[in-house]
Protein backbone atom coordinates (compact mmCIF):
# COMPACT_ATOMS: atom_id res chain seq x y z
CA UNK A 1 -60.04 -20.87 19.06
CA UNK A 2 -59.65 -18.79 22.24
CA UNK A 3 -56.32 -17.36 21.11
CA UNK A 4 -57.96 -16.30 17.84
CA UNK A 5 -60.68 -14.48 19.80
CA UNK A 6 -58.09 -12.71 21.95
CA UNK A 7 -56.12 -11.78 18.84
CA UNK A 8 -59.21 -10.29 17.21
CA UNK A 9 -60.36 -8.65 20.44
CA UNK A 10 -57.02 -6.96 21.03
CA UNK A 11 -56.39 -6.31 17.33
CA UNK A 12 -52.98 -7.86 17.81
CA UNK A 13 -51.33 -10.99 16.48
CA UNK A 14 -50.21 -13.74 18.80
CA UNK A 15 -46.93 -14.55 17.07
CA UNK A 16 -44.94 -13.51 20.15
CA UNK A 17 -46.40 -16.50 22.03
CA UNK A 18 -44.77 -19.01 19.72
CA UNK A 19 -41.14 -19.81 19.01
CA UNK A 20 -41.78 -21.65 15.77
CA UNK A 21 -38.18 -22.63 14.90
CA UNK A 22 -37.77 -24.29 18.32
CA UNK A 23 -41.37 -25.52 18.55
CA UNK A 24 -41.91 -23.83 21.90
CA UNK A 25 -44.84 -22.06 23.48
CA UNK A 26 -43.82 -18.91 25.38
CA UNK A 27 -45.91 -18.86 28.56
CA UNK A 28 -44.73 -15.39 29.62
CA UNK A 29 -46.14 -13.90 26.41
CA UNK A 30 -49.35 -15.88 26.87
CA UNK A 31 -49.68 -14.34 30.34
CA UNK A 32 -49.10 -10.81 28.98
CA UNK A 33 -51.78 -11.23 26.30
CA UNK A 34 -54.18 -12.73 28.84
CA UNK A 35 -53.73 -9.74 31.15
CA UNK A 36 -54.35 -7.38 28.23
CA UNK A 37 -57.53 -9.33 27.47
CA UNK A 38 -58.71 -9.15 31.08
CA UNK A 39 -58.13 -5.40 31.20
CA UNK A 40 -59.96 -4.66 27.94
CA UNK A 41 -62.82 -2.31 28.83
CA UNK A 42 -65.27 -3.20 26.04
CA UNK A 43 -66.02 -6.88 26.64
CA UNK A 44 -68.40 -8.36 29.17
CA UNK A 45 -67.25 -10.23 32.21
CA UNK A 46 -68.79 -13.49 31.03
CA UNK A 47 -67.28 -13.21 27.54
CA UNK A 48 -63.83 -12.57 29.02
CA UNK A 49 -64.33 -15.54 31.34
CA UNK A 50 -65.33 -17.89 28.53
CA UNK A 51 -62.30 -16.92 26.47
CA UNK A 52 -60.06 -17.13 29.53
CA UNK A 53 -61.19 -20.73 30.02
CA UNK A 54 -60.61 -21.50 26.35
CA UNK A 55 -56.98 -20.32 26.45
CA UNK A 56 -55.94 -21.87 29.73
CA UNK A 57 -52.57 -23.57 29.17
CA UNK A 58 -53.72 -26.49 31.34
CA UNK A 59 -56.07 -28.61 29.18
CA UNK A 60 -58.09 -29.86 32.17
CA UNK A 61 -59.00 -26.27 33.02
CA UNK A 62 -60.37 -25.48 29.55
CA UNK A 63 -64.06 -25.63 28.83
CA UNK A 64 -64.87 -28.16 26.13
CA UNK A 65 -66.93 -27.24 23.11
CA UNK A 66 -69.70 -29.53 24.37
CA UNK A 67 -69.77 -27.82 27.78
CA UNK A 68 -69.69 -24.40 26.15
CA UNK A 69 -72.57 -25.27 23.82
CA UNK A 70 -74.58 -26.77 26.65
CA UNK A 71 -74.10 -23.56 28.62
CA UNK A 72 -74.72 -21.05 25.81
CA UNK A 73 -77.37 -22.71 23.65
CA UNK A 74 -80.12 -21.63 26.04
CA UNK A 75 -79.15 -18.00 25.34
CA UNK A 76 -78.70 -18.37 21.58
CA UNK A 77 -81.71 -16.24 20.66
CA UNK A 78 -80.56 -13.35 22.86
CA UNK A 79 -76.97 -13.63 21.66
CA UNK A 80 -78.02 -13.50 18.01
CA UNK A 81 -80.38 -10.61 18.71
CA UNK A 82 -77.68 -8.86 20.76
CA UNK A 83 -80.21 -8.62 23.55
CA UNK A 84 -79.20 -8.55 27.20
CA UNK A 85 -79.73 -11.67 29.26
CA UNK A 86 -78.92 -12.96 32.71
CA UNK A 87 -76.62 -15.90 33.26
CA UNK A 88 -77.38 -18.09 36.23
CA UNK A 89 -75.11 -20.88 37.37
CA UNK A 90 -72.30 -20.81 34.81
CA UNK A 91 -70.13 -23.94 34.61
CA UNK A 92 -67.34 -24.11 37.20
CA UNK A 93 -64.67 -23.53 34.56
CA UNK A 94 -66.39 -20.26 33.61
CA UNK A 95 -67.21 -19.25 37.19
CA UNK A 96 -63.54 -19.40 38.15
CA UNK A 97 -62.81 -17.09 35.22
CA UNK A 98 -65.44 -14.63 36.43
CA UNK A 99 -63.56 -14.43 39.74
CA UNK A 100 -60.30 -13.75 37.91
CA UNK A 101 -61.91 -11.09 35.73
CA UNK A 102 -63.47 -9.36 38.74
CA UNK A 103 -60.16 -9.48 40.60
CA UNK A 104 -58.38 -7.99 37.58
CA UNK A 105 -60.98 -5.22 37.32
CA UNK A 106 -60.63 -4.36 40.98
CA UNK A 107 -56.84 -4.22 40.74
CA UNK A 108 -56.78 -2.06 37.64
CA UNK A 109 -59.84 0.08 38.27
CA UNK A 110 -61.13 -0.80 34.77
CA UNK A 111 -64.91 -1.16 34.39
CA UNK A 112 -66.58 -3.58 31.98
């Protein structure tokens, strides 16, 4: 699901990440698309972090749907109303993504 979100967010397909005839995943392309996602100026830090966790190539570092729901359901009303809200204590798998997003922003000078 995360790759689909990145694809839609970048308005780009993700075909370059897959070598279908040889049934291989191309990690270098995954990294390129992830960097593009992190540098996108129109998405919030927390949204980028959630998606970053969802597309981590290491399954143990991905947030599960249950963890994601548990984290986001308390903000459902604000999300549906597109109202701002404050996130306190995100799950560790999201918090690590926030650090990566902030680091990426500082390196590139891009503001979210």
